[in-house]
Amino acid sequence: MSFSDLFDSEFKSRNKGHFSAIVRVAMADGVLIPVEKAFLDKLAGKLEISAAEYEEILENPLKYPINPPYSYAQRLERLYDLARMVHVDHHLGDKQDVLLRKFGLALGFTPGNVNYIIDKALSLLDQKVDLDTFTYEMQHMNK
């Protein structure tokens, strides 16, 4: 196996783990509503999850290991990616807040601060900031 194949394989495995974690969050209440399903469909394409892998993960999201973000900066980067995907179409309405709060909790933000973090994240996305600005503003929002 070449070095590039190893890198590609690890990247795909990480994407499957990331997608699997998001599926777990979406299905945590036992119901996958159409808005969540539409989001998962879109996310699968962005993460290069094949149709067969998609069905397999929906059937058993526990099959793939979660690659949790360990640092605060990594959590903010994942929040940025997820929030942009949820926020980009504006077709979710009030559901975007609920979905992002679920993701925020799954990323490790505490119930006591997740509302504030998601509100700030959405405010920054409305301003169309890049990842570096988003990360800086999120890390310094209490100053």
Protein backbone atom coordinates (compact mmCIF):
# COMPACT_ATOMS: atom_id res chain seq x y z
CA MET A 1 0.00 0.00 0.00
CA SER A 2 1.43 3.37 -0.99
CA PHE A 3 1.65 6.33 1.37
CA SER A 4 -1.06 8.20 -0.56
CA ASP A 5 -3.38 5.17 -0.31
CA LEU A 6 -2.81 5.04 3.43
CA PHE A 7 -3.59 8.74 3.79
CA ASP A 8 -6.69 8.40 1.59
CA SER A 9 -7.87 5.37 3.56
CA GLU A 10 -7.39 7.14 6.91
CA PHE A 11 -9.20 10.23 5.61
CA LYS A 12 -12.18 8.14 4.46
CA SER A 13 -12.25 6.26 7.75
CA ARG A 14 -12.24 9.54 9.70
CA ASN A 15 -15.08 10.85 7.52
CA LYS A 16 -17.12 7.70 8.20
CA GLY A 17 -16.54 8.10 11.93
CA HIS A 18 -17.49 11.77 11.77
CA PHE A 19 -20.62 10.99 9.76
CA SER A 20 -21.52 8.11 12.08
CA ALA A 21 -21.30 10.45 15.09
CA ILE A 22 -23.62 12.94 13.42
CA VAL A 23 -26.08 10.16 12.57
CA ARG A 24 -26.06 9.14 16.25
CA VAL A 25 -26.89 12.70 17.27
CA ALA A 26 -29.66 12.99 14.70
CA MET A 27 -31.16 9.68 15.80
CA ALA A 28 -30.66 10.23 19.55
CA ASP A 29 -34.35 10.89 20.11
CA GLY A 30 -35.26 7.74 18.16
CA VAL A 31 -36.76 9.67 15.25
CA LEU A 32 -35.08 10.87 12.08
CA ILE A 33 -37.23 13.77 10.89
CA PRO A 34 -37.19 14.77 7.21
CA VAL A 35 -35.09 17.88 7.91
CA GLU A 36 -32.43 15.79 9.62
CA LYS A 37 -32.55 13.21 6.81
CA ALA A 38 -32.07 15.95 4.21
CA PHE A 39 -29.11 17.28 6.17
CA LEU A 40 -27.57 13.79 6.39
CA ASP A 41 -28.06 13.29 2.65
CA LYS A 42 -26.22 16.52 1.95
CA LEU A 43 -23.48 15.83 4.47
CA ALA A 44 -22.86 12.34 3.09
CA GLY A 45 -22.07 13.88 -0.28
CA LYS A 46 -19.67 16.42 1.21
CA LEU A 47 -17.88 13.72 3.21
CA GLU A 48 -17.69 11.39 0.17
CA ILE A 49 -19.79 8.70 1.83
CA SER A 50 -21.01 6.23 -0.80
CA ALA A 51 -24.66 5.19 -1.00
CA ALA A 52 -23.81 1.74 0.37
CA GLU A 53 -21.79 3.22 3.26
CA TYR A 54 -24.59 5.69 3.94
CA GLU A 55 -27.17 2.93 4.29
CA GLU A 56 -24.81 0.83 6.40
CA ILE A 57 -24.16 3.74 8.78
CA LEU A 58 -27.86 4.58 9.06
CA GLU A 59 -28.55 0.94 9.85
CA ASN A 60 -25.80 0.71 12.48
CA PRO A 61 -24.17 4.04 13.39
CA LEU A 62 -22.20 2.35 16.18
CA LYS A 63 -20.11 0.37 13.66
CA TYR A 64 -17.61 3.17 13.09
CA PRO A 65 -15.51 4.71 15.86
CA ILE A 66 -16.09 8.33 16.78
CA ASN A 67 -13.13 10.61 16.26
CA PRO A 68 -13.95 13.18 18.91
CA PRO A 69 -12.31 16.56 18.75
CA TYR A 70 -9.97 16.76 21.73
CA SER A 71 -9.07 20.42 21.72
CA TYR A 72 -11.34 23.41 21.94
CA ALA A 73 -9.98 24.66 18.60
CA GLN A 74 -10.90 21.35 16.93
CA ARG A 75 -14.41 21.52 18.40
CA LEU A 76 -14.78 25.05 17.04
CA GLU A 77 -13.58 23.93 13.61
CA ARG A 78 -16.15 21.11 13.54
CA LEU A 79 -18.85 23.48 14.78
CA TYR A 80 -17.93 25.88 11.99
CA ASP A 81 -18.21 23.15 9.34
CA LEU A 82 -21.49 21.79 10.70
CA ALA A 83 -23.01 25.21 11.25
CA ARG A 84 -22.16 26.29 7.71
CA MET A 85 -23.81 23.18 6.30
CA VAL A 86 -26.93 23.64 8.40
CA HIS A 87 -27.07 27.40 7.90
CA VAL A 88 -26.23 27.68 4.21
CA ASP A 89 -29.67 26.96 2.76
CA HIS A 90 -31.78 28.77 5.37
CA HIS A 91 -34.54 26.24 4.66
CA LEU A 92 -34.47 24.75 8.15
CA GLY A 93 -35.93 27.80 9.90
CA ASP A 94 -36.25 27.22 13.65
CA LYS A 95 -35.06 23.64 13.21
CA GLN A 96 -31.52 24.85 12.42
CA ASP A 97 -31.14 26.07 16.01
CA VAL A 98 -32.38 22.79 17.45
CA LEU A 99 -30.14 20.73 15.19
CA LEU A 100 -27.08 22.87 15.90
CA ARG A 101 -27.69 22.72 19.65
CA LYS A 102 -27.76 18.92 19.42
CA PHE A 103 -24.48 19.00 17.49
CA GLY A 104 -23.00 21.46 19.97
CA LEU A 105 -23.76 19.15 22.86
CA ALA A 106 -22.36 16.18 20.94
CA LEU A 107 -19.16 18.14 20.30
CA GLY A 108 -18.69 18.56 24.02
CA PHE A 109 -20.01 22.03 24.72
CA THR A 110 -21.82 22.10 28.05
CA PRO A 111 -25.59 22.47 28.39
CA GLY A 112 -24.93 25.67 30.34
CA ASN A 113 -23.14 27.40 27.47
CA VAL A 114 -24.32 25.65 24.29
CA ASN A 115 -27.12 28.17 23.63
CA TYR A 116 -24.72 31.10 23.84
CA ILE A 117 -22.15 29.32 21.64
CA ILE A 118 -24.68 28.42 18.94
CA ASP A 119 -26.17 31.93 18.93
CA LYS A 120 -22.70 33.42 18.53
CA ALA A 121 -21.80 30.89 15.80
CA LEU A 122 -24.95 31.71 13.82
CA SER A 123 -24.30 35.43 14.23
CA LEU A 124 -20.80 35.00 12.81
CA LEU A 125 -22.08 32.90 9.92
CA ASP A 126 -24.57 35.65 9.08
CA GLN A 127 -21.52 37.89 8.71
CA LYS A 128 -19.95 35.29 6.37
CA VAL A 129 -16.69 35.07 8.31
CA ASP A 130 -13.94 32.62 7.43
CA LEU A 131 -12.71 29.83 9.73
CA ASP A 132 -9.86 31.87 11.22
CA THR A 133 -12.15 34.78 12.12
CA PHE A 134 -14.80 32.38 13.43
CA THR A 135 -12.28 30.61 15.66
CA TYR A 136 -10.80 33.86 16.95
CA GLU A 137 -14.19 35.40 17.70
CA MET A 138 -15.47 32.25 19.40
CA GLN A 139 -12.36 31.96 21.55
CA HIS A 140 -12.59 35.62 22.58
CA MET A 141 -16.34 36.08 22.91
CA ASN A 142 -16.22 36.58 26.67
CA LYS A 143 -13.57 39.29 26.61
